[in-house]
Full PDB file with SEQRES, HELIX, SHEET, SSBOND, CRYST1, ORIGX, SCALE, CONECT and MASTER records, all heavy atoms in Angstrom:
SEQRES   1 A   45  GLN ALA GLY GLY SER LEU ARG LEU SER CYS ALA ALA SER          
SEQRES   2 A   45  GLY GLY SER PHE ASP SER TYR ASN ILE GLY TRP TYR ARG          
SEQRES   3 A   45  ARG ALA PRO GLY LYS GLU ARG GLU PHE VAL ALA THR ILE          
SEQRES   4 A   45  ARG TRP SER SER GLY SER                                      
SHEET    1 AA1 2 ASN A  21  ARG A  26  0                                        
SHEET    2 AA1 2 GLU A  34  ARG A  40 -1                                        
CRYST1    1.000    1.000    1.000  90.00  90.00  90.00 P 1           1          
ORIGX1      1.000000  0.000000  0.000000        0.00000                         
ORIGX2      0.000000  1.000000  0.000000        0.00000                         
ORIGX3      0.000000  0.000000  1.000000        0.00000                         
SCALE1      1.000000  0.000000  0.000000        0.00000                         
SCALE2      0.000000  1.000000  0.000000        0.00000                         
SCALE3      0.000000  0.000000  1.000000        0.00000                         
ATOM      1  N   GLN A   1      80.927  38.383  52.416  1.00  0.00           N  
ATOM      2  CA  GLN A   1      82.114  39.079  51.953  1.00  0.00           C  
ATOM      3  C   GLN A   1      82.525  38.508  50.569  1.00  0.00           C  
ATOM      4  O   GLN A   1      82.405  37.401  50.273  1.00  0.00           O  
ATOM      5  CB  GLN A   1      83.262  39.002  52.953  1.00  0.00           C  
ATOM      6  CG  GLN A   1      84.400  39.916  52.652  1.00  0.00           C  
ATOM      7  CD  GLN A   1      85.498  39.864  53.685  1.00  0.00           C  
ATOM      8  OE1 GLN A   1      85.416  39.007  54.618  1.00  0.00           O  
ATOM      9  NE2 GLN A   1      86.451  40.770  53.657  1.00  0.00           N  
ATOM     10  N   ALA A   2      83.129  39.405  49.755  1.00  0.00           N  
ATOM     11  CA  ALA A   2      83.617  38.939  48.500  1.00  0.00           C  
ATOM     12  C   ALA A   2      84.568  37.764  48.641  1.00  0.00           C  
ATOM     13  O   ALA A   2      85.451  37.754  49.519  1.00  0.00           O  
ATOM     14  CB  ALA A   2      84.367  40.088  47.765  1.00  0.00           C  
ATOM     15  N   GLY A   3      84.359  36.793  47.781  1.00  0.00           N  
ATOM     16  CA  GLY A   3      85.187  35.595  47.838  1.00  0.00           C  
ATOM     17  C   GLY A   3      84.490  34.500  48.640  1.00  0.00           C  
ATOM     18  O   GLY A   3      84.951  33.322  48.620  1.00  0.00           O  
ATOM     19  N   GLY A   4      83.455  34.852  49.330  1.00  0.00           N  
ATOM     20  CA  GLY A   4      82.759  33.902  50.199  1.00  0.00           C  
ATOM     21  C   GLY A   4      81.732  33.095  49.400  1.00  0.00           C  
ATOM     22  O   GLY A   4      81.640  33.218  48.172  1.00  0.00           O  
ATOM     23  N   SER A   5      80.980  32.261  50.118  1.00  0.00           N  
ATOM     24  CA  SER A   5      79.985  31.394  49.525  1.00  0.00           C  
ATOM     25  C   SER A   5      78.607  31.559  50.156  1.00  0.00           C  
ATOM     26  O   SER A   5      78.522  31.985  51.306  1.00  0.00           O  
ATOM     27  CB  SER A   5      80.428  29.916  49.654  1.00  0.00           C  
ATOM     28  OG  SER A   5      81.661  29.733  49.002  1.00  0.00           O  
ATOM     29  N   LEU A   6      77.653  31.190  49.431  1.00  0.00           N  
ATOM     30  CA  LEU A   6      76.227  31.289  49.871  1.00  0.00           C  
ATOM     31  C   LEU A   6      75.465  30.190  49.147  1.00  0.00           C  
ATOM     32  O   LEU A   6      75.730  29.933  47.923  1.00  0.00           O  
ATOM     33  CB  LEU A   6      75.655  32.658  49.634  1.00  0.00           C  
ATOM     34  CG  LEU A   6      74.576  33.162  50.546  1.00  0.00           C  
ATOM     35  CD1 LEU A   6      74.969  33.184  52.012  1.00  0.00           C  
ATOM     36  CD2 LEU A   6      74.140  34.539  50.122  1.00  0.00           C  
ATOM     37  N   ARG A   7      74.490  29.606  49.765  1.00  0.00           N  
ATOM     38  CA  ARG A   7      73.712  28.678  49.145  1.00  0.00           C  
ATOM     39  C   ARG A   7      72.213  29.003  49.194  1.00  0.00           C  
ATOM     40  O   ARG A   7      71.654  29.185  50.251  1.00  0.00           O  
ATOM     41  CB  ARG A   7      73.907  27.231  49.821  1.00  0.00           C  
ATOM     42  CG  ARG A   7      73.197  26.071  49.154  1.00  0.00           C  
ATOM     43  CD  ARG A   7      73.476  24.777  49.885  1.00  0.00           C  
ATOM     44  NE  ARG A   7      72.815  23.588  49.264  1.00  0.00           N  
ATOM     45  CZ  ARG A   7      73.362  22.889  48.291  1.00  0.00           C  
ATOM     46  NH1 ARG A   7      74.549  23.213  47.784  1.00  0.00           N  
ATOM     47  NH2 ARG A   7      72.709  21.854  47.740  1.00  0.00           N  
ATOM     48  N   LEU A   8      71.597  29.108  48.075  1.00  0.00           N  
ATOM     49  CA  LEU A   8      70.177  29.419  47.990  1.00  0.00           C  
ATOM     50  C   LEU A   8      69.391  28.144  47.713  1.00  0.00           C  
ATOM     51  O   LEU A   8      69.857  27.209  47.133  1.00  0.00           O  
ATOM     52  CB  LEU A   8      69.875  30.427  46.850  1.00  0.00           C  
ATOM     53  CG  LEU A   8      70.634  31.727  46.905  1.00  0.00           C  
ATOM     54  CD1 LEU A   8      70.176  32.554  45.693  1.00  0.00           C  
ATOM     55  CD2 LEU A   8      70.450  32.412  48.210  1.00  0.00           C  
ATOM     56  N   SER A   9      68.151  28.141  48.183  1.00  0.00           N  
ATOM     57  CA  SER A   9      67.256  27.041  48.013  1.00  0.00           C  
ATOM     58  C   SER A   9      65.896  27.482  47.522  1.00  0.00           C  
ATOM     59  O   SER A   9      65.447  28.538  47.962  1.00  0.00           O  
ATOM     60  CB  SER A   9      67.097  26.224  49.315  1.00  0.00           C  
ATOM     61  OG  SER A   9      66.296  25.029  49.068  1.00  0.00           O  
ATOM     62  N   CYS A  10      65.265  26.720  46.686  1.00  0.00           N  
ATOM     63  CA  CYS A  10      63.973  26.987  46.154  1.00  0.00           C  
ATOM     64  C   CYS A  10      63.052  25.771  46.412  1.00  0.00           C  
ATOM     65  O   CYS A  10      63.321  24.671  45.975  1.00  0.00           O  
ATOM     66  CB  CYS A  10      63.974  27.355  44.698  1.00  0.00           C  
ATOM     67  SG  CYS A  10      62.381  27.642  43.944  1.00  0.00           S  
ATOM     68  N   ALA A  11      61.982  26.005  47.216  1.00  0.00           N  
ATOM     69  CA  ALA A  11      61.082  24.906  47.501  1.00  0.00           C  
ATOM     70  C   ALA A  11      59.761  25.214  46.857  1.00  0.00           C  
ATOM     71  O   ALA A  11      59.221  26.360  46.817  1.00  0.00           O  
ATOM     72  CB  ALA A  11      60.934  24.850  49.046  1.00  0.00           C  
ATOM     73  N   ALA A  12      59.123  24.216  46.410  1.00  0.00           N  
ATOM     74  CA  ALA A  12      57.859  24.257  45.720  1.00  0.00           C  
ATOM     75  C   ALA A  12      56.718  23.643  46.546  1.00  0.00           C  
ATOM     76  O   ALA A  12      56.911  22.528  47.104  1.00  0.00           O  
ATOM     77  CB  ALA A  12      57.856  23.605  44.345  1.00  0.00           C  
ATOM     78  N   SER A  13      55.605  24.324  46.615  1.00  0.00           N  
ATOM     79  CA  SER A  13      54.437  23.802  47.299  1.00  0.00           C  
ATOM     80  C   SER A  13      53.239  23.912  46.369  1.00  0.00           C  
ATOM     81  O   SER A  13      53.157  24.816  45.536  1.00  0.00           O  
ATOM     82  CB  SER A  13      54.155  24.548  48.632  1.00  0.00           C  
ATOM     83  OG  SER A  13      53.908  25.897  48.361  1.00  0.00           O  
ATOM     84  N   GLY A  14      52.311  22.914  46.459  1.00  0.00           N  
ATOM     85  CA  GLY A  14      51.165  22.951  45.601  1.00  0.00           C  
ATOM     86  C   GLY A  14      51.379  22.441  44.238  1.00  0.00           C  
ATOM     87  O   GLY A  14      50.534  22.506  43.332  1.00  0.00           O  
ATOM     88  N   GLY A  15      52.564  21.915  44.034  1.00  0.00           N  
ATOM     89  CA  GLY A  15      52.937  21.351  42.715  1.00  0.00           C  
ATOM     90  C   GLY A  15      54.366  20.706  42.801  1.00  0.00           C  
ATOM     91  O   GLY A  15      54.940  20.631  43.831  1.00  0.00           O  
ATOM     92  N   SER A  16      54.853  20.261  41.677  1.00  0.00           N  
ATOM     93  CA  SER A  16      56.075  19.604  41.606  1.00  0.00           C  
ATOM     94  C   SER A  16      57.014  20.198  40.580  1.00  0.00           C  
ATOM     95  O   SER A  16      56.553  20.849  39.637  1.00  0.00           O  
ATOM     96  CB  SER A  16      55.926  18.122  41.334  1.00  0.00           C  
ATOM     97  OG  SER A  16      57.108  17.442  41.128  1.00  0.00           O  
ATOM     98  N   PHE A  17      58.344  19.960  40.750  1.00  0.00           N  
ATOM     99  CA  PHE A  17      59.294  20.393  39.738  1.00  0.00           C  
ATOM    100  C   PHE A  17      59.413  19.358  38.643  1.00  0.00           C  
ATOM    101  O   PHE A  17      60.120  19.587  37.619  1.00  0.00           O  
ATOM    102  CB  PHE A  17      60.701  20.636  40.382  1.00  0.00           C  
ATOM    103  CG  PHE A  17      60.736  21.874  41.153  1.00  0.00           C  
ATOM    104  CD1 PHE A  17      61.328  21.893  42.480  1.00  0.00           C  
ATOM    105  CD2 PHE A  17      60.341  23.081  40.628  1.00  0.00           C  
ATOM    106  CE1 PHE A  17      61.422  23.044  43.182  1.00  0.00           C  
ATOM    107  CE2 PHE A  17      60.460  24.284  41.313  1.00  0.00           C  
ATOM    108  CZ  PHE A  17      61.031  24.296  42.634  1.00  0.00           C  
ATOM    109  N   ASP A  18      58.809  18.193  38.828  1.00  0.00           N  
ATOM    110  CA  ASP A  18      58.968  17.103  37.866  1.00  0.00           C  
ATOM    111  C   ASP A  18      58.629  17.522  36.427  1.00  0.00           C  
ATOM    112  O   ASP A  18      57.635  18.178  36.178  1.00  0.00           O  
ATOM    113  CB  ASP A  18      57.975  15.983  38.246  1.00  0.00           C  
ATOM    114  CG  ASP A  18      58.412  15.229  39.542  1.00  0.00           C  
ATOM    115  OD1 ASP A  18      59.498  15.576  40.076  1.00  0.00           O  
ATOM    116  OD2 ASP A  18      57.606  14.422  39.984  1.00  0.00           O  
ATOM    117  N   SER A  19      59.526  17.136  35.517  1.00  0.00           N  
ATOM    118  CA  SER A  19      59.437  17.319  34.064  1.00  0.00           C  
ATOM    119  C   SER A  19      59.549  18.746  33.716  1.00  0.00           C  
ATOM    120  O   SER A  19      59.247  19.092  32.494  1.00  0.00           O  
ATOM    121  CB  SER A  19      58.032  16.805  33.598  1.00  0.00           C  
ATOM    122  OG  SER A  19      57.878  15.451  33.942  1.00  0.00           O  
ATOM    123  N   TYR A  20      60.086  19.663  34.516  1.00  0.00           N  
ATOM    124  CA  TYR A  20      60.222  21.045  34.154  1.00  0.00           C  
ATOM    125  C   TYR A  20      61.736  21.421  34.201  1.00  0.00           C  
ATOM    126  O   TYR A  20      62.526  20.740  34.805  1.00  0.00           O  
ATOM    127  CB  TYR A  20      59.474  21.950  35.132  1.00  0.00           C  
ATOM    128  CG  TYR A  20      57.937  21.808  34.979  1.00  0.00           C  
ATOM    129  CD1 TYR A  20      57.246  20.966  35.835  1.00  0.00           C  
ATOM    130  CD2 TYR A  20      57.293  22.522  33.991  1.00  0.00           C  
ATOM    131  CE1 TYR A  20      55.877  20.873  35.743  1.00  0.00           C  
ATOM    132  CE2 TYR A  20      55.922  22.415  33.895  1.00  0.00           C  
ATOM    133  CZ  TYR A  20      55.206  21.569  34.806  1.00  0.00           C  
ATOM    134  OH  TYR A  20      53.842  21.450  34.698  1.00  0.00           O  
ATOM    135  N   ASN A  21      61.960  22.543  33.544  1.00  0.00           N  
ATOM    136  CA  ASN A  21      63.274  23.200  33.651  1.00  0.00           C  
ATOM    137  C   ASN A  21      63.211  24.328  34.644  1.00  0.00           C  
ATOM    138  O   ASN A  21      62.452  25.283  34.447  1.00  0.00           O  
ATOM    139  CB  ASN A  21      63.734  23.769  32.295  1.00  0.00           C  
ATOM    140  CG  ASN A  21      63.940  22.672  31.249  1.00  0.00           C  
ATOM    141  OD1 ASN A  21      64.308  21.567  31.616  1.00  0.00           O  
ATOM    142  ND2 ASN A  21      63.758  23.034  29.979  1.00  0.00           N  
ATOM    143  N   ILE A  22      63.865  24.205  35.725  1.00  0.00           N  
ATOM    144  CA  ILE A  22      63.814  25.175  36.828  1.00  0.00           C  
ATOM    145  C   ILE A  22      64.978  26.214  36.623  1.00  0.00           C  
ATOM    146  O   ILE A  22      66.096  25.819  36.392  1.00  0.00           O  
ATOM    147  CB  ILE A  22      63.976  24.514  38.222  1.00  0.00           C  
ATOM    148  CG1 ILE A  22      62.983  23.291  38.282  1.00  0.00           C  
ATOM    149  CG2 ILE A  22      63.558  25.564  39.296  1.00  0.00           C  
ATOM    150  CD1 ILE A  22      61.604  23.588  37.964  1.00  0.00           C  
ATOM    151  N   GLY A  23      64.617  27.462  36.803  1.00  0.00           N  
ATOM    152  CA  GLY A  23      65.644  28.501  36.601  1.00  0.00           C  
ATOM    153  C   GLY A  23      65.862  29.445  37.727  1.00  0.00           C  
ATOM    154  O   GLY A  23      64.967  29.578  38.592  1.00  0.00           O  
ATOM    155  N   TRP A  24      67.007  29.997  37.810  1.00  0.00           N  
ATOM    156  CA  TRP A  24      67.326  31.090  38.695  1.00  0.00           C  
ATOM    157  C   TRP A  24      67.677  32.335  37.901  1.00  0.00           C  
ATOM    158  O   TRP A  24      68.429  32.273  36.973  1.00  0.00           O  
ATOM    159  CB  TRP A  24      68.608  30.731  39.603  1.00  0.00           C  
ATOM    160  CG  TRP A  24      68.271  29.808  40.720  1.00  0.00           C  
ATOM    161  CD1 TRP A  24      68.465  28.447  40.728  1.00  0.00           C  
ATOM    162  CD2 TRP A  24      67.745  30.086  42.030  1.00  0.00           C  
ATOM    163  NE1 TRP A  24      68.123  27.942  41.890  1.00  0.00           N  
ATOM    164  CE2 TRP A  24      67.685  28.904  42.742  1.00  0.00           C  
ATOM    165  CE3 TRP A  24      67.391  31.350  42.581  1.00  0.00           C  
ATOM    166  CZ2 TRP A  24      67.223  28.847  44.061  1.00  0.00           C  
ATOM    167  CZ3 TRP A  24      66.885  31.294  43.933  1.00  0.00           C  
ATOM    168  CH2 TRP A  24      66.824  30.105  44.636  1.00  0.00           C  
ATOM    169  N   TYR A  25      67.020  33.432  38.308  1.00  0.00           N  
ATOM    170  CA  TYR A  25      67.296  34.707  37.718  1.00  0.00           C  
ATOM    171  C   TYR A  25      67.606  35.694  38.796  1.00  0.00           C  
ATOM    172  O   TYR A  25      67.338  35.502  39.936  1.00  0.00           O  
ATOM    173  CB  TYR A  25      66.049  35.240  36.933  1.00  0.00           C  
ATOM    174  CG  TYR A  25      65.769  34.439  35.609  1.00  0.00           C  
ATOM    175  CD1 TYR A  25      65.195  33.193  35.651  1.00  0.00           C  
ATOM    176  CD2 TYR A  25      66.069  35.004  34.401  1.00  0.00           C  
ATOM    177  CE1 TYR A  25      64.959  32.507  34.471  1.00  0.00           C  
ATOM    178  CE2 TYR A  25      65.810  34.340  33.178  1.00  0.00           C  
ATOM    179  CZ  TYR A  25      65.268  33.074  33.266  1.00  0.00           C  
ATOM    180  OH  TYR A  25      65.008  32.397  32.069  1.00  0.00           O  
ATOM    181  N   ARG A  26      68.129  36.826  38.368  1.00  0.00           N  
ATOM    182  CA  ARG A  26      68.470  37.881  39.427  1.00  0.00           C  
ATOM    183  C   ARG A  26      68.290  39.254  38.796  1.00  0.00           C  
ATOM    184  O   ARG A  26      68.352  39.463  37.616  1.00  0.00           O  
ATOM    185  CB  ARG A  26      69.899  37.701  39.899  1.00  0.00           C  
ATOM    186  CG  ARG A  26      70.993  38.008  38.899  1.00  0.00           C  
ATOM    187  CD  ARG A  26      72.355  37.649  39.485  1.00  0.00           C  
ATOM    188  NE  ARG A  26      73.456  37.922  38.498  1.00  0.00           N  
ATOM    189  CZ  ARG A  26      74.690  37.672  38.727  1.00  0.00           C  
ATOM    190  NH1 ARG A  26      75.094  37.026  39.884  1.00  0.00           N  
ATOM    191  NH2 ARG A  26      75.606  37.950  37.834  1.00  0.00           N  
ATOM    192  N   ARG A  27      68.037  40.194  39.701  1.00  0.00           N  
ATOM    193  CA  ARG A  27      67.839  41.606  39.330  1.00  0.00           C  
ATOM    194  C   ARG A  27      68.663  42.466  40.278  1.00  0.00           C  
ATOM    195  O   ARG A  27      68.412  42.474  41.469  1.00  0.00           O  
ATOM    196  CB  ARG A  27      66.449  42.036  39.350  1.00  0.00           C  
ATOM    197  CG  ARG A  27      66.240  43.470  38.824  1.00  0.00           C  
ATOM    198  CD  ARG A  27      64.827  43.936  38.980  1.00  0.00           C  
ATOM    199  NE  ARG A  27      63.908  43.204  38.156  1.00  0.00           N  
ATOM    200  CZ  ARG A  27      63.606  43.552  36.861  1.00  0.00           C  
ATOM    201  NH1 ARG A  27      64.253  44.572  36.291  1.00  0.00           N  
ATOM    202  NH2 ARG A  27      62.767  42.873  36.195  1.00  0.00           N  
ATOM    203  N   ALA A  28      69.626  43.158  39.705  1.00  0.00           N  
ATOM    204  CA  ALA A  28      70.473  44.042  40.475  1.00  0.00           C  
ATOM    205  C   ALA A  28      69.905  45.460  40.301  1.00  0.00           C  
ATOM    206  O   ALA A  28      69.269  45.806  39.384  1.00  0.00           O  
ATOM    207  CB  ALA A  28      71.926  44.008  40.004  1.00  0.00           C  
ATOM    208  N   PRO A  29      70.185  46.354  41.286  1.00  0.00           N  
ATOM    209  CA  PRO A  29      69.689  47.737  41.233  1.00  0.00           C  
ATOM    210  C   PRO A  29      70.174  48.401  39.896  1.00  0.00           C  
ATOM    211  O   PRO A  29      71.389  48.370  39.548  1.00  0.00           O  
ATOM    212  CB  PRO A  29      70.347  48.378  42.451  1.00  0.00           C  
ATOM    213  CG  PRO A  29      70.489  47.279  43.426  1.00  0.00           C  
ATOM    214  CD  PRO A  29      70.889  46.102  42.511  1.00  0.00           C  
ATOM    215  N   GLY A  30      69.231  49.011  39.215  1.00  0.00           N  
ATOM    216  CA  GLY A  30      69.561  49.679  37.989  1.00  0.00           C  
ATOM    217  C   GLY A  30      69.808  48.810  36.769  1.00  0.00           C  
ATOM    218  O   GLY A  30      70.156  49.266  35.761  1.00  0.00           O  
ATOM    219  N   LYS A  31      69.556  47.528  36.892  1.00  0.00           N  
ATOM    220  CA  LYS A  31      69.770  46.551  35.858  1.00  0.00           C  
ATOM    221  C   LYS A  31      68.488  45.804  35.538  1.00  0.00           C  
ATOM    222  O   LYS A  31      67.632  45.632  36.367  1.00  0.00           O  
ATOM    223  CB  LYS A  31      70.900  45.620  36.167  1.00  0.00           C  
ATOM    224  CG  LYS A  31      72.269  46.268  36.315  1.00  0.00           C  
ATOM    225  CD  LYS A  31      73.327  45.221  36.538  1.00  0.00           C  
ATOM    226  CE  LYS A  31      74.699  45.802  36.653  1.00  0.00           C  
ATOM    227  NZ  LYS A  31      75.790  44.829  36.930  1.00  0.00           N  
ATOM    228  N   GLU A  32      68.490  45.219  34.379  1.00  0.00           N  
ATOM    229  CA  GLU A  32      67.340  44.327  33.993  1.00  0.00           C  
ATOM    230  C   GLU A  32      67.566  42.936  34.606  1.00  0.00           C  
ATOM    231  O   GLU A  32      68.665  42.592  34.960  1.00  0.00           O  
ATOM    232  CB  GLU A  32      67.244  44.228  32.472  1.00  0.00           C  
ATOM    233  CG  GLU A  32      66.923  45.495  31.726  1.00  0.00           C  
ATOM    234  CD  GLU A  32      66.770  45.321  30.261  1.00  0.00           C  
ATOM    235  OE1 GLU A  32      66.998  44.200  29.750  1.00  0.00           O  
ATOM    236  OE2 GLU A  32      66.289  46.314  29.599  1.00  0.00           O  
ATOM    237  N   ARG A  33      66.465  42.247  34.712  1.00  0.00           N  
ATOM    238  CA  ARG A  33      66.531  40.877  35.217  1.00  0.00           C  
ATOM    239  C   ARG A  33      67.376  40.059  34.272  1.00  0.00           C  
ATOM    240  O   ARG A  33      67.239  40.160  33.019  1.00  0.00           O  
ATOM    241  CB  ARG A  33      65.142  40.349  35.322  1.00  0.00           C  
ATOM    242  CG  ARG A  33      65.101  38.878  35.911  1.00  0.00           C  
ATOM    243  CD  ARG A  33      63.608  38.457  36.016  1.00  0.00           C  
ATOM    244  NE  ARG A  33      63.066  38.335  34.631  1.00  0.00           N  
ATOM    245  CZ  ARG A  33      61.734  38.154  34.472  1.00  0.00           C  
ATOM    246  NH1 ARG A  33      60.897  38.117  35.463  1.00  0.00           N  
ATOM    247  NH2 ARG A  33      61.251  38.070  33.249  1.00  0.00           N  
ATOM    248  N   GLU A  34      68.283  39.227  34.813  1.00  0.00           N  
ATOM    249  CA  GLU A  34      69.105  38.410  34.013  1.00  0.00           C  
ATOM    250  C   GLU A  34      69.119  36.933  34.376  1.00  0.00           C  
ATOM    251  O   GLU A  34      68.889  36.605  35.572  1.00  0.00           O  
ATOM    252  CB  GLU A  34      70.566  38.935  34.003  1.00  0.00           C  
ATOM    253  CG  GLU A  34      71.206  38.818  35.334  1.00  0.00           C  
ATOM    254  CD  GLU A  34      72.720  39.260  35.280  1.00  0.00           C  
ATOM    255  OE1 GLU A  34      73.316  39.259  34.168  1.00  0.00           O  
ATOM    256  OE2 GLU A  34      73.282  39.478  36.368  1.00  0.00           O  
ATOM    257  N   PHE A  35      69.350  36.124  33.409  1.00  0.00           N  
ATOM    258  CA  PHE A  35      69.399  34.689  33.636  1.00  0.00           C  
ATOM    259  C   PHE A  35      70.676  34.309  34.396  1.00  0.00           C  
ATOM    260  O   PHE A  35      71.744  34.923  34.178  1.00  0.00           O  
ATOM    261  CB  PHE A  35      69.393  33.952  32.306  1.00  0.00           C  
ATOM    262  CG  PHE A  35      69.787  32.510  32.388  1.00  0.00           C  
ATOM    263  CD1 PHE A  35      68.896  31.575  32.856  1.00  0.00           C  
ATOM    264  CD2 PHE A  35      71.040  32.103  31.966  1.00  0.00           C  
ATOM    265  CE1 PHE A  35      69.252  30.215  32.929  1.00  0.00           C  
ATOM    266  CE2 PHE A  35      71.409  30.766  32.052  1.00  0.00           C  
ATOM    267  CZ  PHE A  35      70.534  29.854  32.487  1.00  0.00           C  
ATOM    268  N   VAL A  36      70.544  33.384  35.336  1.00  0.00           N  
ATOM    269  CA  VAL A  36      71.658  32.924  36.133  1.00  0.00           C  
ATOM    270  C   VAL A  36      71.985  31.494  35.842  1.00  0.00           C  
ATOM    271  O   VAL A  36      73.097  31.126  35.498  1.00  0.00           O  
ATOM    272  CB  VAL A  36      71.509  33.119  37.616  1.00  0.00           C  
ATOM    273  CG1 VAL A  36      72.603  32.526  38.435  1.00  0.00           C  
ATOM    274  CG2 VAL A  36      71.224  34.599  37.951  1.00  0.00           C  
ATOM    275  N   ALA A  37      70.969  30.609  36.046  1.00  0.00           N  
ATOM    276  CA  ALA A  37      71.240  29.195  35.854  1.00  0.00           C  
ATOM    277  C   ALA A  37      69.942  28.462  35.705  1.00  0.00           C  
ATOM    278  O   ALA A  37      68.876  28.934  36.056  1.00  0.00           O  
ATOM    279  CB  ALA A  37      71.966  28.562  37.114  1.00  0.00           C  
ATOM    280  N   THR A  38      69.983  27.260  35.072  1.00  0.00           N  
ATOM    281  CA  THR A  38      68.769  26.466  34.918  1.00  0.00           C  
ATOM    282  C   THR A  38      69.174  24.982  35.040  1.00  0.00           C  
ATOM    283  O   THR A  38      70.334  24.633  34.840  1.00  0.00           O  
ATOM    284  CB  THR A  38      68.180  26.685  33.510  1.00  0.00           C  
ATOM    285  OG1 THR A  38      66.935  25.978  33.418  1.00  0.00           O  
ATOM    286  CG2 THR A  38      69.093  26.210  32.392  1.00  0.00           C  
ATOM    287  N   ILE A  39      68.194  24.199  35.399  1.00  0.00           N  
ATOM    288  CA  ILE A  39      68.389  22.776  35.531  1.00  0.00           C  
ATOM    289  C   ILE A  39      67.213  22.012  35.038  1.00  0.00           C  
ATOM    290  O   ILE A  39      66.081  22.376  35.319  1.00  0.00           O  
ATOM    291  CB  ILE A  39      68.741  22.354  37.001  1.00  0.00           C  
ATOM    292  CG1 ILE A  39      69.116  20.888  37.105  1.00  0.00           C  
ATOM    293  CG2 ILE A  39      67.549  22.696  37.960  1.00  0.00           C  
ATOM    294  CD1 ILE A  39      69.659  20.458  38.466  1.00  0.00           C  
ATOM    295  N   ARG A  40      67.429  20.977  34.281  1.00  0.00           N  
ATOM    296  CA  ARG A  40      66.418  20.108  33.791  1.00  0.00           C  
ATOM    297  C   ARG A  40      66.129  19.106  34.867  1.00  0.00           C  
ATOM    298  O   ARG A  40      66.980  18.228  35.153  1.00  0.00           O  
ATOM    299  CB  ARG A  40      66.807  19.490  32.460  1.00  0.00           C  
ATOM    300  CG  ARG A  40      65.732  18.545  31.905  1.00  0.00           C  
ATOM    301  CD  ARG A  40      66.037  18.135  30.473  1.00  0.00           C  
ATOM    302  NE  ARG A  40      65.943  19.303  29.622  1.00  0.00           N  
ATOM    303  CZ  ARG A  40      66.135  19.309  28.299  1.00  0.00           C  
ATOM    304  NH1 ARG A  40      66.529  18.201  27.674  1.00  0.00           N  
ATOM    305  NH2 ARG A  40      66.007  20.446  27.582  1.00  0.00           N  
ATOM    306  N   TRP A  41      64.949  19.058  35.423  1.00  0.00           N  
ATOM    307  CA  TRP A  41      64.577  18.168  36.515  1.00  0.00           C  
ATOM    308  C   TRP A  41      64.712  16.707  36.176  1.00  0.00           C  
ATOM    309  O   TRP A  41      65.309  15.939  36.955  1.00  0.00           O  
ATOM    310  CB  TRP A  41      63.152  18.403  37.041  1.00  0.00           C  
ATOM    311  CG  TRP A  41      62.866  17.758  38.296  1.00  0.00           C  
ATOM    312  CD1 TRP A  41      62.246  16.557  38.468  1.00  0.00           C  
ATOM    313  CD2 TRP A  41      63.135  18.216  39.633  1.00  0.00           C  
ATOM    314  NE1 TRP A  41      62.187  16.201  39.771  1.00  0.00           N  
ATOM    315  CE2 TRP A  41      62.707  17.242  40.500  1.00  0.00           C  
ATOM    316  CE3 TRP A  41      63.738  19.346  40.157  1.00  0.00           C  
ATOM    317  CZ2 TRP A  41      62.807  17.380  41.886  1.00  0.00           C  
ATOM    318  CZ3 TRP A  41      63.829  19.490  41.513  1.00  0.00           C  
ATOM    319  CH2 TRP A  41      63.424  18.463  42.401  1.00  0.00           C  
ATOM    320  N   SER A  42      64.353  16.379  35.011  1.00  0.00           N  
ATOM    321  CA  SER A  42      64.365  14.978  34.614  1.00  0.00           C  
ATOM    322  C   SER A  42      65.798  14.370  34.538  1.00  0.00           C  
ATOM    323  O   SER A  42      66.025  13.237  34.997  1.00  0.00           O  
ATOM    324  CB  SER A  42      63.595  14.739  33.278  1.00  0.00           C  
ATOM    325  OG  SER A  42      64.254  15.536  32.266  1.00  0.00           O  
ATOM    326  N   SER A  43      66.656  15.091  33.970  1.00  0.00           N  
ATOM    327  CA  SER A  43      68.056  14.583  33.753  1.00  0.00           C  
ATOM    328  C   SER A  43      69.056  15.205  34.707  1.00  0.00           C  
ATOM    329  O   SER A  43      70.108  14.589  34.969  1.00  0.00           O  
ATOM    330  CB  SER A  43      68.487  14.872  32.297  1.00  0.00           C  
ATOM    331  OG  SER A  43      68.528  16.199  32.054  1.00  0.00           O  
ATOM    332  N   GLY A  44      68.782  16.416  35.231  1.00  0.00           N  
ATOM    333  CA  GLY A  44      69.761  17.051  36.135  1.00  0.00           C  
ATOM    334  C   GLY A  44      70.734  17.884  35.325  1.00  0.00           C  
ATOM    335  O   GLY A  44      71.692  18.474  35.899  1.00  0.00           O  
ATOM    336  N   SER A  45      70.646  17.959  33.987  1.00  0.00           N  
ATOM    337  CA  SER A  45      71.523  18.736  33.182  1.00  0.00           C  
ATOM    338  C   SER A  45      71.297  20.201  33.522  1.00  0.00           C  
ATOM    339  O   SER A  45      70.176  20.649  33.717  1.00  0.00           O  
ATOM    340  CB  SER A  45      71.265  18.460  31.743  1.00  0.00           C  
ATOM    341  OG  SER A  45      69.977  18.793  31.301  1.00  0.00           O  
TER     342      SER A  45                                                      
MASTER        0    0    0    0    2    0    0    6  341    1    0    4          
END                                                                             
């Protein structure tokens, strides 16, 4: 429901997130894919 919370998780297999910038994107109906968030694995920024 609006105002609520949800937690997504992304797991990697066959490789590692080390030294990469990991991103979350989303696509809503009728819209183009858009950037949501990113994190630098090495620093956590």
